[in-house]
Amino acid sequence: MKHILVVEDDPIINQVICEFLKENKYQVTSVFDGQDALDQVASADFDLLILDIMLPSVNGIDVLKRVRQTSQVPIMMLTAVDDEYTQLVSFNHLISDYVVKPFSPLILLKRVENILRQEVQKSSSDSLYHLDYDNSALVYEGERIILTKKEYAILTVLIKYQGRLVTREQLMNTVWGYSELDSRVLDNHIKNIRKKCPQLPLQTMTGMGYKLGEG
């Protein structure tokens, strides 16, 4: 059973989402503020976060940024905030979807199903290589290749979005927590990954970012 964390401070909206998800056979945990959300992510495994932005304690954007420092769990932003800047910041931190309130519970369910289906497809396509969390290593065609923490974090993002472009800004935001980084730092880590894993189908998309091809 897929486990979903609902982070919503409005008790009525929180209850509606949770009851609807439970009726459709999802395991649900709900919290009402950002710090509780961070505590839950640190202590349990979730298949998806549904995250409001206007939260007490820690706002949703800060929750997103802090979660992305350690986890690539799929995140759906569900909020009344609909300005372009906030949406761009959210997508730069690799959210899976952005839903603006008011919303239809039926459409929300379909969006949840779509995100989780994409996750299953990505994990099933990862046949030649996968990450060994305990040893911070990449297992490629049966060979274990030891990585630094940053190399491991970069590959975590690229494998999660396998077959799709990941921009330089997205990588820097996710791995380092900010995009105001000397681009040569990222370039050097990519260069080292390629040296360690010369057969890895890691493509440079000139002027944009990187894409990890199908394994």
Protein backbone atom coordinates (compact mmCIF):
# COMPACT_ATOMS: atom_id res chain seq x y z
CA MET A 1 0.00 0.00 0.00
CA LYS A 2 1.40 3.40 -1.01
CA HIS A 3 2.03 5.75 1.89
CA ILE A 4 1.20 9.45 1.36
CA LEU A 5 1.99 12.36 3.69
CA VAL A 6 -0.58 15.17 3.56
CA VAL A 7 0.71 18.52 4.81
CA GLU A 8 -2.20 20.97 5.02
CA ASP A 9 -3.03 23.39 7.84
CA ASP A 10 -6.72 23.83 6.95
CA PRO A 11 -8.42 21.06 8.94
CA ILE A 12 -11.37 20.71 6.55
CA ILE A 13 -9.20 20.46 3.41
CA ASN A 14 -6.82 18.13 5.23
CA GLN A 15 -9.70 15.85 6.22
CA VAL A 16 -11.22 15.85 2.72
CA ILE A 17 -7.91 14.87 1.10
CA CYS A 18 -7.14 12.19 3.67
CA GLU A 19 -10.58 10.58 3.55
CA PHE A 20 -10.60 10.57 -0.24
CA LEU A 21 -7.16 8.96 -0.41
CA LYS A 22 -8.06 6.37 2.22
CA GLU A 23 -11.23 5.47 0.32
CA ASN A 24 -8.98 4.74 -2.65
CA LYS A 25 -6.74 2.35 -0.69
CA TYR A 26 -3.82 4.63 0.20
CA GLN A 27 -2.16 4.72 3.59
CA VAL A 28 -2.25 8.33 4.77
CA THR A 29 -0.44 10.33 7.43
CA SER A 30 -1.49 13.96 7.91
CA VAL A 31 0.16 16.90 9.65
CA PHE A 32 -0.78 20.58 9.93
CA ASP A 33 2.53 22.47 9.97
CA GLY A 34 5.89 22.44 8.25
CA GLN A 35 8.05 21.31 11.14
CA ASP A 36 5.85 18.28 11.75
CA ALA A 37 6.19 17.46 8.04
CA LEU A 38 10.00 17.55 8.28
CA ASP A 39 9.88 15.36 11.38
CA GLN A 40 7.69 12.82 9.58
CA VAL A 41 9.96 12.72 6.51
CA ALA A 42 12.97 12.16 8.77
CA SER A 43 11.34 9.28 10.62
CA ALA A 44 9.28 7.42 7.99
CA ASP A 45 9.31 6.45 4.33
CA PHE A 46 6.67 7.97 2.06
CA ASP A 47 5.81 7.37 -1.57
CA LEU A 48 4.44 10.89 -2.05
CA LEU A 49 4.12 14.21 -0.21
CA ILE A 50 1.12 16.49 -0.83
CA LEU A 51 2.40 19.82 0.42
CA ASP A 52 0.69 23.16 1.06
CA ILE A 53 2.80 26.35 0.94
CA MET A 54 1.15 28.64 3.49
CA LEU A 55 1.97 26.63 6.60
CA PRO A 56 2.70 27.59 10.21
CA SER A 57 6.13 26.91 11.72
CA VAL A 58 7.97 26.28 8.41
CA ASN A 59 6.43 27.30 5.08
CA GLY A 60 5.98 24.78 2.27
CA ILE A 61 8.77 26.14 0.05
CA ASP A 62 11.28 25.82 2.89
CA VAL A 63 9.96 22.32 3.64
CA LEU A 64 10.50 21.44 -0.03
CA LYS A 65 14.06 22.80 -0.05
CA ARG A 66 15.01 20.97 3.14
CA VAL A 67 13.47 17.69 2.02
CA ARG A 68 15.38 17.92 -1.26
CA GLN A 69 18.67 18.07 0.62
CA THR A 70 18.26 14.43 1.62
CA SER A 71 15.40 12.90 -0.36
CA GLN A 72 13.98 12.61 -3.87
CA VAL A 73 10.51 11.56 -2.69
CA PRO A 74 7.83 12.75 -5.17
CA ILE A 75 6.18 15.98 -4.02
CA MET A 76 2.93 17.54 -5.18
CA MET A 77 2.42 21.17 -4.22
CA LEU A 78 -1.26 21.83 -3.39
CA THR A 79 -1.77 25.51 -2.67
CA ALA A 80 -3.73 28.69 -3.29
CA VAL A 81 -0.46 30.42 -4.27
CA ASP A 82 -0.51 30.61 -8.05
CA ASP A 83 2.15 33.19 -9.01
CA GLU A 84 4.72 32.23 -11.63
CA TYR A 85 7.77 32.79 -9.39
CA THR A 86 6.58 30.38 -6.70
CA GLN A 87 5.76 27.74 -9.29
CA LEU A 88 9.19 28.12 -10.92
CA VAL A 89 10.96 27.82 -7.56
CA SER A 90 8.95 24.68 -6.83
CA PHE A 91 9.71 23.05 -10.17
CA ASN A 92 13.39 23.97 -9.84
CA HIS A 93 13.36 21.78 -6.73
CA LEU A 94 12.01 18.88 -8.79
CA ILE A 95 8.41 18.66 -7.68
CA SER A 96 6.21 16.22 -9.57
CA ASP A 97 3.12 18.43 -9.87
CA TYR A 98 1.68 21.80 -8.84
CA VAL A 99 -2.05 21.98 -8.12
CA VAL A 100 -3.81 25.27 -7.40
CA LYS A 101 -6.78 25.46 -5.01
CA PRO A 102 -9.70 25.10 -5.31
CA PHE A 103 -9.32 21.61 -6.70
CA SER A 104 -11.43 18.62 -7.64
CA PRO A 105 -10.78 15.58 -5.41
CA LEU A 106 -11.33 13.32 -8.42
CA ILE A 107 -8.73 15.16 -10.49
CA LEU A 108 -6.39 15.23 -7.50
CA LEU A 109 -6.67 11.45 -7.28
CA LYS A 110 -5.81 11.09 -10.97
CA ARG A 111 -2.76 13.31 -10.49
CA VAL A 112 -1.66 11.18 -7.53
CA GLU A 113 -2.09 8.01 -9.59
CA ASN A 114 -0.10 9.54 -12.44
CA ILE A 115 2.83 10.49 -10.20
CA LEU A 116 2.98 7.06 -8.57
CA ARG A 117 2.68 5.31 -11.95
CA GLN A 118 5.63 7.30 -13.27
CA GLU A 119 7.68 6.28 -10.25
CA VAL A 120 6.96 2.60 -10.90
CA GLN A 121 7.92 2.97 -14.57
CA LYS A 122 11.19 4.68 -13.68
CA SER A 123 12.17 2.06 -11.12
CA SER A 124 11.32 -0.82 -13.47
CA SER A 125 13.40 0.67 -16.31
CA ASP A 126 16.50 0.93 -14.12
CA SER A 127 17.88 -2.50 -15.04
CA LEU A 128 21.60 -2.00 -15.67
CA TYR A 129 22.32 0.38 -12.83
CA HIS A 130 20.99 1.26 -9.41
CA LEU A 131 22.20 3.04 -6.29
CA ASP A 132 23.50 1.30 -3.19
CA TYR A 133 22.46 3.65 -0.39
CA ASP A 134 24.34 1.89 2.41
CA ASN A 135 27.69 2.15 0.62
CA SER A 136 27.15 5.42 -1.32
CA ALA A 137 27.85 3.49 -4.50
CA LEU A 138 26.53 2.97 -8.00
CA VAL A 139 26.00 -0.65 -9.01
CA TYR A 140 26.49 -0.78 -12.77
CA GLU A 141 26.20 -4.12 -14.60
CA GLY A 142 26.94 -5.86 -11.32
CA GLU A 143 30.02 -3.78 -10.48
CA ARG A 144 29.97 -1.55 -7.37
CA ILE A 145 31.51 1.87 -7.97
CA ILE A 146 32.20 3.95 -4.86
CA LEU A 147 31.08 7.59 -5.07
CA THR A 148 31.54 10.73 -3.02
CA LYS A 149 28.44 12.10 -1.26
CA LYS A 150 27.97 14.79 -3.90
CA GLU A 151 28.46 12.36 -6.80
CA TYR A 152 25.93 10.03 -5.20
CA ALA A 153 23.45 12.91 -4.73
CA ILE A 154 23.84 14.01 -8.36
CA LEU A 155 23.24 10.49 -9.66
CA THR A 156 20.24 10.11 -7.36
CA VAL A 157 18.59 13.03 -9.16
CA LEU A 158 19.62 11.90 -12.66
CA ILE A 159 18.40 8.34 -12.11
CA LYS A 160 15.13 9.57 -10.64
CA TYR A 161 14.51 11.63 -13.80
CA GLN A 162 16.08 9.08 -16.14
CA GLY A 163 15.47 9.87 -19.79
CA ARG A 164 14.53 13.49 -19.04
CA LEU A 165 16.54 16.70 -18.97
CA VAL A 166 17.65 17.87 -15.52
CA THR A 167 18.82 21.47 -15.70
CA ARG A 168 22.01 22.69 -14.09
CA GLU A 169 19.92 24.90 -11.79
CA GLN A 170 17.81 21.94 -10.68
CA LEU A 171 20.91 19.90 -9.87
CA MET A 172 22.56 22.71 -7.94
CA ASN A 173 19.36 23.51 -6.03
CA THR A 174 18.76 19.88 -5.13
CA VAL A 175 22.31 18.80 -4.30
CA TRP A 176 23.72 22.00 -2.77
CA GLY A 177 20.49 23.73 -1.74
CA TYR A 178 21.02 26.83 -3.89
CA SER A 179 21.75 27.69 -7.53
CA GLU A 180 24.23 30.55 -6.91
CA LEU A 181 27.15 28.15 -7.27
CA ASP A 182 30.25 28.34 -9.44
CA SER A 183 29.21 26.16 -12.37
CA ARG A 184 32.69 24.64 -12.50
CA VAL A 185 31.95 22.85 -9.21
CA LEU A 186 29.11 20.92 -10.85
CA ASP A 187 31.18 20.36 -14.01
CA ASN A 188 34.00 18.82 -11.98
CA HIS A 189 31.64 16.42 -10.22
CA ILE A 190 30.11 15.37 -13.56
CA LYS A 191 33.62 14.86 -14.96
CA ASN A 192 34.53 12.64 -12.00
CA ILE A 193 31.33 10.60 -12.39
CA ARG A 194 32.20 10.00 -16.05
CA LYS A 195 35.73 8.90 -15.14
CA LYS A 196 34.44 6.41 -12.59
CA CYS A 197 31.54 5.22 -14.78
CA PRO A 198 32.69 5.59 -18.42
CA GLN A 199 29.89 3.39 -19.78
CA LEU A 200 27.12 5.27 -18.00
CA PRO A 201 24.84 6.89 -20.65
CA LEU A 202 25.20 10.40 -19.18
CA GLN A 203 24.53 13.07 -21.79
CA THR A 204 25.37 16.77 -21.69
CA MET A 205 22.54 18.88 -23.08
CA THR A 206 24.57 21.91 -24.15
CA GLY A 207 23.53 25.10 -22.44
CA MET A 208 20.79 23.36 -20.45
CA GLY A 209 21.90 20.49 -18.22
CA TYR A 210 22.23 16.72 -18.23
CA LYS A 211 20.22 13.65 -19.09
CA LEU A 212 20.79 10.05 -18.08
CA GLY A 213 19.81 7.73 -20.91
CA GLU A 214 18.00 4.43 -20.59
CA GLY A 215 20.01 1.64 -19.00
